[in-house]
Amino acid sequence: MKTPRSIRSASLPVLLASLLLAGGTAVAQTQMTPEQEKVYRDMIAASGANPDDVMGAKKQVDDSRKWTGGPIDYHAVGVYSGKPQITSDPGKGSGVADVTDQVILNFKWDLAASGLVGTPKIQNSKSALKNPRDLEPKCLPPVLKGEYEHADVLSVKYGLGGTLELDVRTTYPLVEVVQFCTGARKPIPGAAKTRRAELVVPSPVTFGMKLPASSKVTVSPDRKSLIYRDAGWTWTFTPKPRNV
């Protein structure tokens, strides 16, 4: 039976939308001119569909192509700001300080396998410490007899569930703390302690998602980086598109 012209006209935008969403056609890969986009939006509206929904889906498909074809290069900058314990044995004598630190990681990530490729490059920075103090504000502050290093990343390897597994060393100097708030000072020996930490690698497909307010991951204002915050650290992940 011959299809009436009115039905064929109404079906055309739906067909075009399907082609766009399929992601494998020349139509989906072609950048439309403003005039072509207007005609296309009018056709979608005539079919009863929402032009913004269809064009938004097209944009997501176009954006996803940036990350296909092989491992993605990530540049990740981690910045710490917090008030950690600065003695090696808080049970024998404690103190805190305002500490900042920075770590830079460059690595390749296989998005399809959600795994690390090759050996990451690590760049550690010297910690900055100020305002050392006792947990009780009225007590005399501790005295550091060396440098405190909050986080030196020693190695990075693939962890569970699409994470990076980091071996992190914290170096504590000898610290003199007061006894009974104003009494004689006693030394707390220095030490180097290594711990294992997991770091979530946010996927670049997150750029096209609507994230809840409670999410630890946000998108940077320029929409080029993904920001992950946890335990005093702010990690800025900048993936490099493969196909642009």
C-alpha atoms as a PDB file:
ATOM      1  CA  MET A   1       0.000   0.000   0.000  1.00  0.00           C
ATOM      2  CA  LYS A   2       1.301   3.448  -0.880  1.00  0.00           C
ATOM      3  CA  THR A   3       2.175   5.628   2.127  1.00  0.00           C
ATOM      4  CA  PRO A   4       0.447   9.029   2.131  1.00  0.00           C
ATOM      5  CA  ARG A   5       2.772  11.987   1.671  1.00  0.00           C
ATOM      6  CA  SER A   6       1.750  13.555   5.031  1.00  0.00           C
ATOM      7  CA  ILE A   7       2.846  10.413   6.910  1.00  0.00           C
ATOM      8  CA  ARG A   8       6.131  10.221   5.006  1.00  0.00           C
ATOM      9  CA  SER A   9       6.868  13.879   5.846  1.00  0.00           C
ATOM     10  CA  ALA A  10       6.110  13.384   9.520  1.00  0.00           C
ATOM     11  CA  SER A  11       8.265  10.241   9.672  1.00  0.00           C
ATOM     12  CA  LEU A  12      11.332  11.851   8.126  1.00  0.00           C
ATOM     13  CA  PRO A  13      12.488  13.749  11.251  1.00  0.00           C
ATOM     14  CA  VAL A  14      12.129  10.614  13.345  1.00  0.00           C
ATOM     15  CA  LEU A  15      14.286   8.721  10.853  1.00  0.00           C
ATOM     16  CA  LEU A  16      16.895  11.451  10.881  1.00  0.00           C
ATOM     17  CA  ALA A  17      16.910  11.478  14.672  1.00  0.00           C
ATOM     18  CA  SER A  18      17.489   7.725  14.658  1.00  0.00           C
ATOM     19  CA  LEU A  19      20.403   8.182  12.290  1.00  0.00           C
ATOM     20  CA  LEU A  20      21.905  10.805  14.550  1.00  0.00           C
ATOM     21  CA  LEU A  21      21.585   8.613  17.612  1.00  0.00           C
ATOM     22  CA  ALA A  22      23.018   5.585  15.818  1.00  0.00           C
ATOM     23  CA  GLY A  23      26.318   7.431  15.559  1.00  0.00           C
ATOM     24  CA  GLY A  24      27.516   5.645  12.464  1.00  0.00           C
ATOM     25  CA  THR A  25      26.196   7.703   9.577  1.00  0.00           C
ATOM     26  CA  ALA A  26      27.505  10.571   7.551  1.00  0.00           C
ATOM     27  CA  VAL A  27      24.574  12.664   8.758  1.00  0.00           C
ATOM     28  CA  ALA A  28      25.642  12.275  12.375  1.00  0.00           C
ATOM     29  CA  GLN A  29      29.231  13.164  11.563  1.00  0.00           C
ATOM     30  CA  THR A  30      28.459  16.289   9.546  1.00  0.00           C
ATOM     31  CA  GLN A  31      28.544  19.698  11.158  1.00  0.00           C
ATOM     32  CA  MET A  32      25.334  21.448  10.158  1.00  0.00           C
ATOM     33  CA  THR A  33      25.218  25.101   9.189  1.00  0.00           C
ATOM     34  CA  PRO A  34      22.868  27.348  11.205  1.00  0.00           C
ATOM     35  CA  GLU A  35      20.406  27.286   8.283  1.00  0.00           C
ATOM     36  CA  GLN A  36      20.482  23.488   8.072  1.00  0.00           C
ATOM     37  CA  GLU A  37      20.029  23.178  11.827  1.00  0.00           C
ATOM     38  CA  LYS A  38      16.982  25.446  11.737  1.00  0.00           C
ATOM     39  CA  VAL A  39      15.393  23.362   8.963  1.00  0.00           C
ATOM     40  CA  TYR A  40      16.185  20.200  10.867  1.00  0.00           C
ATOM     41  CA  ARG A  41      14.728  21.571  14.119  1.00  0.00           C
ATOM     42  CA  ASP A  42      11.555  22.609  12.288  1.00  0.00           C
ATOM     43  CA  MET A  43      11.224  19.106  10.867  1.00  0.00           C
ATOM     44  CA  ILE A  44      11.656  17.528  14.302  1.00  0.00           C
ATOM     45  CA  ALA A  45       9.073  19.874  15.793  1.00  0.00           C
ATOM     46  CA  ALA A  46       6.659  19.018  12.988  1.00  0.00           C
ATOM     47  CA  SER A  47       6.934  15.342  13.945  1.00  0.00           C
ATOM     48  CA  GLY A  48       5.928  16.124  17.523  1.00  0.00           C
ATOM     49  CA  ALA A  49       9.390  15.499  18.993  1.00  0.00           C
ATOM     50  CA  ASN A  50      11.395  17.962  21.083  1.00  0.00           C
ATOM     51  CA  PRO A  51      14.231  19.472  18.963  1.00  0.00           C
ATOM     52  CA  ASP A  52      16.356  20.146  22.056  1.00  0.00           C
ATOM     53  CA  ASP A  53      16.161  16.497  23.120  1.00  0.00           C
ATOM     54  CA  VAL A  54      17.230  15.214  19.704  1.00  0.00           C
ATOM     55  CA  MET A  55      19.999  17.792  19.278  1.00  0.00           C
ATOM     56  CA  GLY A  56      21.191  17.089  22.820  1.00  0.00           C
ATOM     57  CA  ALA A  57      21.409  13.392  22.000  1.00  0.00           C
ATOM     58  CA  LYS A  58      23.368  14.213  18.845  1.00  0.00           C
ATOM     59  CA  LYS A  59      25.831  16.280  20.881  1.00  0.00           C
ATOM     60  CA  GLN A  60      26.358  13.417  23.324  1.00  0.00           C
ATOM     61  CA  VAL A  61      27.072  11.061  20.428  1.00  0.00           C
ATOM     62  CA  ASP A  62      29.493  13.560  18.868  1.00  0.00           C
ATOM     63  CA  ASP A  63      31.241  14.102  22.210  1.00  0.00           C
ATOM     64  CA  SER A  64      31.597  10.369  22.844  1.00  0.00           C
ATOM     65  CA  ARG A  65      33.602   9.979  19.616  1.00  0.00           C
ATOM     66  CA  LYS A  66      36.393  12.068  21.154  1.00  0.00           C
ATOM     67  CA  TRP A  67      37.273   9.205  23.477  1.00  0.00           C
ATOM     68  CA  THR A  68      37.197   6.201  21.121  1.00  0.00           C
ATOM     69  CA  GLY A  69      39.991   4.439  19.281  1.00  0.00           C
ATOM     70  CA  GLY A  70      42.491   3.656  22.037  1.00  0.00           C
ATOM     71  CA  PRO A  71      43.922   4.713  25.407  1.00  0.00           C
ATOM     72  CA  ILE A  72      43.293   8.276  26.597  1.00  0.00           C
ATOM     73  CA  ASP A  73      46.031  10.536  27.953  1.00  0.00           C
ATOM     74  CA  TYR A  74      45.185  11.935  31.386  1.00  0.00           C
ATOM     75  CA  HIS A  75      46.855  14.845  33.160  1.00  0.00           C
ATOM     76  CA  ALA A  76      45.837  14.781  36.830  1.00  0.00           C
ATOM     77  CA  VAL A  77      46.752  17.418  39.403  1.00  0.00           C
ATOM     78  CA  GLY A  78      46.033  16.636  43.041  1.00  0.00           C
ATOM     79  CA  VAL A  79      46.066  19.489  45.564  1.00  0.00           C
ATOM     80  CA  TYR A  80      45.831  18.815  49.284  1.00  0.00           C
ATOM     81  CA  SER A  81      44.709  21.291  51.915  1.00  0.00           C
ATOM     82  CA  GLY A  82      44.031  20.158  55.444  1.00  0.00           C
ATOM     83  CA  LYS A  83      45.000  19.987  59.105  1.00  0.00           C
ATOM     84  CA  PRO A  84      46.704  16.609  59.605  1.00  0.00           C
ATOM     85  CA  GLN A  85      48.511  15.187  62.599  1.00  0.00           C
ATOM     86  CA  ILE A  86      52.197  16.072  62.278  1.00  0.00           C
ATOM     87  CA  THR A  87      53.728  13.637  64.787  1.00  0.00           C
ATOM     88  CA  SER A  88      54.564  10.026  64.021  1.00  0.00           C
ATOM     89  CA  ASP A  89      52.853   8.765  67.185  1.00  0.00           C
ATOM     90  CA  PRO A  90      49.816  10.855  68.225  1.00  0.00           C
ATOM     91  CA  GLY A  91      49.266   8.522  71.165  1.00  0.00           C
ATOM     92  CA  LYS A  92      52.503   9.741  72.763  1.00  0.00           C
ATOM     93  CA  GLY A  93      52.239  13.357  71.688  1.00  0.00           C
ATOM     94  CA  SER A  94      50.131  15.078  69.106  1.00  0.00           C
ATOM     95  CA  GLY A  95      50.033  18.248  67.083  1.00  0.00           C
ATOM     96  CA  VAL A  96      48.356  19.547  63.979  1.00  0.00           C
ATOM     97  CA  ALA A  97      49.185  22.170  61.375  1.00  0.00           C
ATOM     98  CA  ASP A  98      47.820  23.798  58.233  1.00  0.00           C
ATOM     99  CA  VAL A  99      49.350  21.786  55.399  1.00  0.00           C
ATOM    100  CA  THR A 100      49.189  22.002  51.618  1.00  0.00           C
ATOM    101  CA  ASP A 101      50.716  19.654  49.073  1.00  0.00           C
ATOM    102  CA  GLN A 102      50.546  18.801  45.379  1.00  0.00           C
ATOM    103  CA  VAL A 103      51.022  15.715  43.210  1.00  0.00           C
ATOM    104  CA  ILE A 104      50.896  15.517  39.401  1.00  0.00           C
ATOM    105  CA  LEU A 105      50.189  12.278  37.560  1.00  0.00           C
ATOM    106  CA  ASN A 106      50.335  11.684  33.807  1.00  0.00           C
ATOM    107  CA  PHE A 107      49.031   8.341  32.589  1.00  0.00           C
ATOM    108  CA  LYS A 108      47.199   6.476  29.839  1.00  0.00           C
ATOM    109  CA  TRP A 109      43.775   4.999  30.566  1.00  0.00           C
ATOM    110  CA  ASP A 110      41.886   2.402  28.534  1.00  0.00           C
ATOM    111  CA  LEU A 111      38.295   3.586  28.732  1.00  0.00           C
ATOM    112  CA  ALA A 112      36.798   0.382  27.317  1.00  0.00           C
ATOM    113  CA  ALA A 113      38.626  -1.860  29.804  1.00  0.00           C
ATOM    114  CA  SER A 114      38.615   0.780  32.554  1.00  0.00           C
ATOM    115  CA  GLY A 115      42.279   0.080  33.162  1.00  0.00           C
ATOM    116  CA  LEU A 116      45.737   1.590  33.303  1.00  0.00           C
ATOM    117  CA  VAL A 117      48.055   1.347  30.301  1.00  0.00           C
ATOM    118  CA  GLY A 118      51.814   1.578  30.780  1.00  0.00           C
ATOM    119  CA  THR A 119      53.656   3.238  33.663  1.00  0.00           C
ATOM    120  CA  PRO A 120      52.409   6.614  34.936  1.00  0.00           C
ATOM    121  CA  LYS A 121      54.727   9.568  35.424  1.00  0.00           C
ATOM    122  CA  ILE A 122      54.751  10.991  38.951  1.00  0.00           C
ATOM    123  CA  GLN A 123      55.738  14.503  40.010  1.00  0.00           C
ATOM    124  CA  ASN A 124      55.771  15.137  43.760  1.00  0.00           C
ATOM    125  CA  SER A 125      56.053  18.567  45.355  1.00  0.00           C
ATOM    126  CA  LYS A 126      57.337  19.729  48.715  1.00  0.00           C
ATOM    127  CA  SER A 127      54.664  20.175  51.366  1.00  0.00           C
ATOM    128  CA  ALA A 128      54.034  23.585  52.886  1.00  0.00           C
ATOM    129  CA  LEU A 129      53.324  23.696  56.633  1.00  0.00           C
ATOM    130  CA  LYS A 130      52.327  26.606  58.830  1.00  0.00           C
ATOM    131  CA  ASN A 131      50.701  27.325  62.164  1.00  0.00           C
ATOM    132  CA  PRO A 132      51.714  24.165  64.079  1.00  0.00           C
ATOM    133  CA  ARG A 133      49.633  23.885  67.244  1.00  0.00           C
ATOM    134  CA  ASP A 134      48.482  21.628  70.011  1.00  0.00           C
ATOM    135  CA  LEU A 135      45.019  20.125  69.847  1.00  0.00           C
ATOM    136  CA  GLU A 136      44.200  22.267  72.852  1.00  0.00           C
ATOM    137  CA  PRO A 137      44.422  25.912  71.698  1.00  0.00           C
ATOM    138  CA  LYS A 138      45.692  27.240  75.080  1.00  0.00           C
ATOM    139  CA  CYS A 139      48.675  24.846  75.143  1.00  0.00           C
ATOM    140  CA  LEU A 140      52.143  25.635  73.844  1.00  0.00           C
ATOM    141  CA  PRO A 141      52.629  24.629  70.188  1.00  0.00           C
ATOM    142  CA  PRO A 142      54.828  21.720  69.069  1.00  0.00           C
ATOM    143  CA  VAL A 143      58.284  22.426  67.675  1.00  0.00           C
ATOM    144  CA  LEU A 144      59.346  20.631  64.492  1.00  0.00           C
ATOM    145  CA  LYS A 145      63.005  19.655  64.185  1.00  0.00           C
ATOM    146  CA  GLY A 146      62.814  18.853  60.493  1.00  0.00           C
ATOM    147  CA  GLU A 147      60.535  18.912  57.474  1.00  0.00           C
ATOM    148  CA  TYR A 148      57.117  17.315  57.324  1.00  0.00           C
ATOM    149  CA  GLU A 149      56.169  15.774  53.972  1.00  0.00           C
ATOM    150  CA  HIS A 150      52.503  14.970  53.740  1.00  0.00           C
ATOM    151  CA  ALA A 151      52.328  12.854  50.576  1.00  0.00           C
ATOM    152  CA  ASP A 152      55.015  11.510  48.279  1.00  0.00           C
ATOM    153  CA  VAL A 153      53.497   9.115  45.743  1.00  0.00           C
ATOM    154  CA  LEU A 154      55.992   6.274  45.299  1.00  0.00           C
ATOM    155  CA  SER A 155      54.130   4.153  42.759  1.00  0.00           C
ATOM    156  CA  VAL A 156      50.876   3.944  40.830  1.00  0.00           C
ATOM    157  CA  LYS A 157      49.223   0.795  39.539  1.00  0.00           C
ATOM    158  CA  TYR A 158      45.815  -0.395  38.446  1.00  0.00           C
ATOM    159  CA  GLY A 159      43.410  -0.965  41.327  1.00  0.00           C
ATOM    160  CA  LEU A 160      40.003  -2.549  41.681  1.00  0.00           C
ATOM    161  CA  GLY A 161      36.852  -1.208  40.113  1.00  0.00           C
ATOM    162  CA  GLY A 162      38.453   1.254  37.741  1.00  0.00           C
ATOM    163  CA  THR A 163      40.690   2.970  40.280  1.00  0.00           C
ATOM    164  CA  LEU A 164      44.365   3.799  40.613  1.00  0.00           C
ATOM    165  CA  GLU A 165      46.206   2.236  43.547  1.00  0.00           C
ATOM    166  CA  LEU A 166      48.771   4.623  45.018  1.00  0.00           C
ATOM    167  CA  ASP A 167      51.573   3.874  47.459  1.00  0.00           C
ATOM    168  CA  VAL A 168      51.896   7.096  49.454  1.00  0.00           C
ATOM    169  CA  ARG A 169      54.655   7.957  51.947  1.00  0.00           C
ATOM    170  CA  THR A 170      54.298  10.495  54.748  1.00  0.00           C
ATOM    171  CA  THR A 171      57.512  11.695  56.413  1.00  0.00           C
ATOM    172  CA  TYR A 172      57.338  12.921  60.004  1.00  0.00           C
ATOM    173  CA  PRO A 173      60.224  14.873  61.532  1.00  0.00           C
ATOM    174  CA  LEU A 174      61.214  14.725  65.164  1.00  0.00           C
ATOM    175  CA  VAL A 175      58.684  16.896  66.973  1.00  0.00           C
ATOM    176  CA  GLU A 176      58.958  18.284  70.495  1.00  0.00           C
ATOM    177  CA  VAL A 177      55.622  18.468  72.283  1.00  0.00           C
ATOM    178  CA  VAL A 178      54.855  19.844  75.699  1.00  0.00           C
ATOM    179  CA  GLN A 179      53.559  17.710  78.524  1.00  0.00           C
ATOM    180  CA  PHE A 180      50.527  18.837  80.477  1.00  0.00           C
ATOM    181  CA  CYS A 181      50.057  21.833  78.208  1.00  0.00           C
ATOM    182  CA  THR A 182      52.840  24.043  79.638  1.00  0.00           C
ATOM    183  CA  GLY A 183      55.289  21.536  81.101  1.00  0.00           C
ATOM    184  CA  ALA A 184      58.595  20.203  79.846  1.00  0.00           C
ATOM    185  CA  ARG A 185      58.925  19.197  76.233  1.00  0.00           C
ATOM    186  CA  LYS A 186      59.460  15.622  75.104  1.00  0.00           C
ATOM    187  CA  PRO A 187      60.595  14.426  71.688  1.00  0.00           C
ATOM    188  CA  ILE A 188      58.410  12.326  69.430  1.00  0.00           C
ATOM    189  CA  PRO A 189      60.762  10.484  67.042  1.00  0.00           C
ATOM    190  CA  GLY A 190      60.513  11.047  63.321  1.00  0.00           C
ATOM    191  CA  ALA A 191      59.378   8.300  60.974  1.00  0.00           C
ATOM    192  CA  ALA A 192      58.426   7.545  57.378  1.00  0.00           C
ATOM    193  CA  LYS A 193      55.137   5.696  56.952  1.00  0.00           C
ATOM    194  CA  THR A 194      53.746   4.283  53.730  1.00  0.00           C
ATOM    195  CA  ARG A 195      50.063   3.630  53.127  1.00  0.00           C
ATOM    196  CA  ARG A 196      47.984   2.480  50.203  1.00  0.00           C
ATOM    197  CA  ALA A 197      45.316   4.786  48.778  1.00  0.00           C
ATOM    198  CA  GLU A 198      42.772   4.413  45.998  1.00  0.00           C
ATOM    199  CA  LEU A 199      42.063   7.160  43.507  1.00  0.00           C
ATOM    200  CA  VAL A 200      38.943   7.140  41.366  1.00  0.00           C
ATOM    201  CA  VAL A 201      39.513   7.987  37.687  1.00  0.00           C
ATOM    202  CA  PRO A 202      36.384   9.769  36.416  1.00  0.00           C
ATOM    203  CA  SER A 203      35.379   8.775  32.899  1.00  0.00           C
ATOM    204  CA  PRO A 204      35.199  11.510  30.234  1.00  0.00           C
ATOM    205  CA  VAL A 205      31.665  10.379  29.403  1.00  0.00           C
ATOM    206  CA  THR A 206      30.809  12.230  32.628  1.00  0.00           C
ATOM    207  CA  PHE A 207      31.028  15.462  30.622  1.00  0.00           C
ATOM    208  CA  GLY A 208      27.679  14.591  29.044  1.00  0.00           C
ATOM    209  CA  MET A 209      25.949  13.542  32.246  1.00  0.00           C
ATOM    210  CA  LYS A 210      23.803  15.467  34.689  1.00  0.00           C
ATOM    211  CA  LEU A 211      25.513  14.949  38.025  1.00  0.00           C
ATOM    212  CA  PRO A 212      23.672  15.054  41.365  1.00  0.00           C
ATOM    213  CA  ALA A 213      24.553  17.779  43.849  1.00  0.00           C
ATOM    214  CA  SER A 214      25.929  15.123  46.200  1.00  0.00           C
ATOM    215  CA  SER A 215      28.452  13.827  43.643  1.00  0.00           C
ATOM    216  CA  LYS A 216      32.159  13.993  44.499  1.00  0.00           C
ATOM    217  CA  VAL A 217      32.814  14.603  40.800  1.00  0.00           C
ATOM    218  CA  THR A 218      32.086  17.937  39.125  1.00  0.00           C
ATOM    219  CA  VAL A 219      32.858  19.424  35.720  1.00  0.00           C
ATOM    220  CA  SER A 220      35.173  22.435  35.473  1.00  0.00           C
ATOM    221  CA  PRO A 221      33.704  25.731  34.228  1.00  0.00           C
ATOM    222  CA  ASP A 222      35.555  25.375  30.887  1.00  0.00           C
ATOM    223  CA  ARG A 223      34.228  21.791  30.575  1.00  0.00           C
ATOM    224  CA  LYS A 224      37.690  20.444  29.865  1.00  0.00           C
ATOM    225  CA  SER A 225      38.393  18.824  33.222  1.00  0.00           C
ATOM    226  CA  LEU A 226      36.709  16.602  35.782  1.00  0.00           C
ATOM    227  CA  ILE A 227      37.207  17.494  39.429  1.00  0.00           C
ATOM    228  CA  TYR A 228      37.161  14.868  42.174  1.00  0.00           C
ATOM    229  CA  ARG A 229      37.202  15.860  45.861  1.00  0.00           C
ATOM    230  CA  ASP A 230      37.866  13.514  48.762  1.00  0.00           C
ATOM    231  CA  ALA A 231      39.626  13.569  52.158  1.00  0.00           C
ATOM    232  CA  GLY A 232      41.143  17.025  51.747  1.00  0.00           C
ATOM    233  CA  TRP A 233      42.330  16.366  48.192  1.00  0.00           C
ATOM    234  CA  THR A 234      41.063  18.085  45.074  1.00  0.00           C
ATOM    235  CA  TRP A 235      42.022  16.170  41.939  1.00  0.00           C
ATOM    236  CA  THR A 236      41.638  17.835  38.555  1.00  0.00           C
ATOM    237  CA  PHE A 237      41.622  15.265  35.745  1.00  0.00           C
ATOM    238  CA  THR A 238      42.099  16.602  32.220  1.00  0.00           C
ATOM    239  CA  PRO A 239      41.657  13.875  29.583  1.00  0.00           C
ATOM    240  CA  LYS A 240      42.989  14.598  26.109  1.00  0.00           C
ATOM    241  CA  PRO A 241      40.445  13.875  23.345  1.00  0.00           C
ATOM    242  CA  ARG A 242      41.663  11.449  20.703  1.00  0.00           C
ATOM    243  CA  ASN A 243      39.328  12.397  17.856  1.00  0.00           C
ATOM    244  CA  VAL A 244      38.733  16.130  17.490  1.00  0.00           C
END
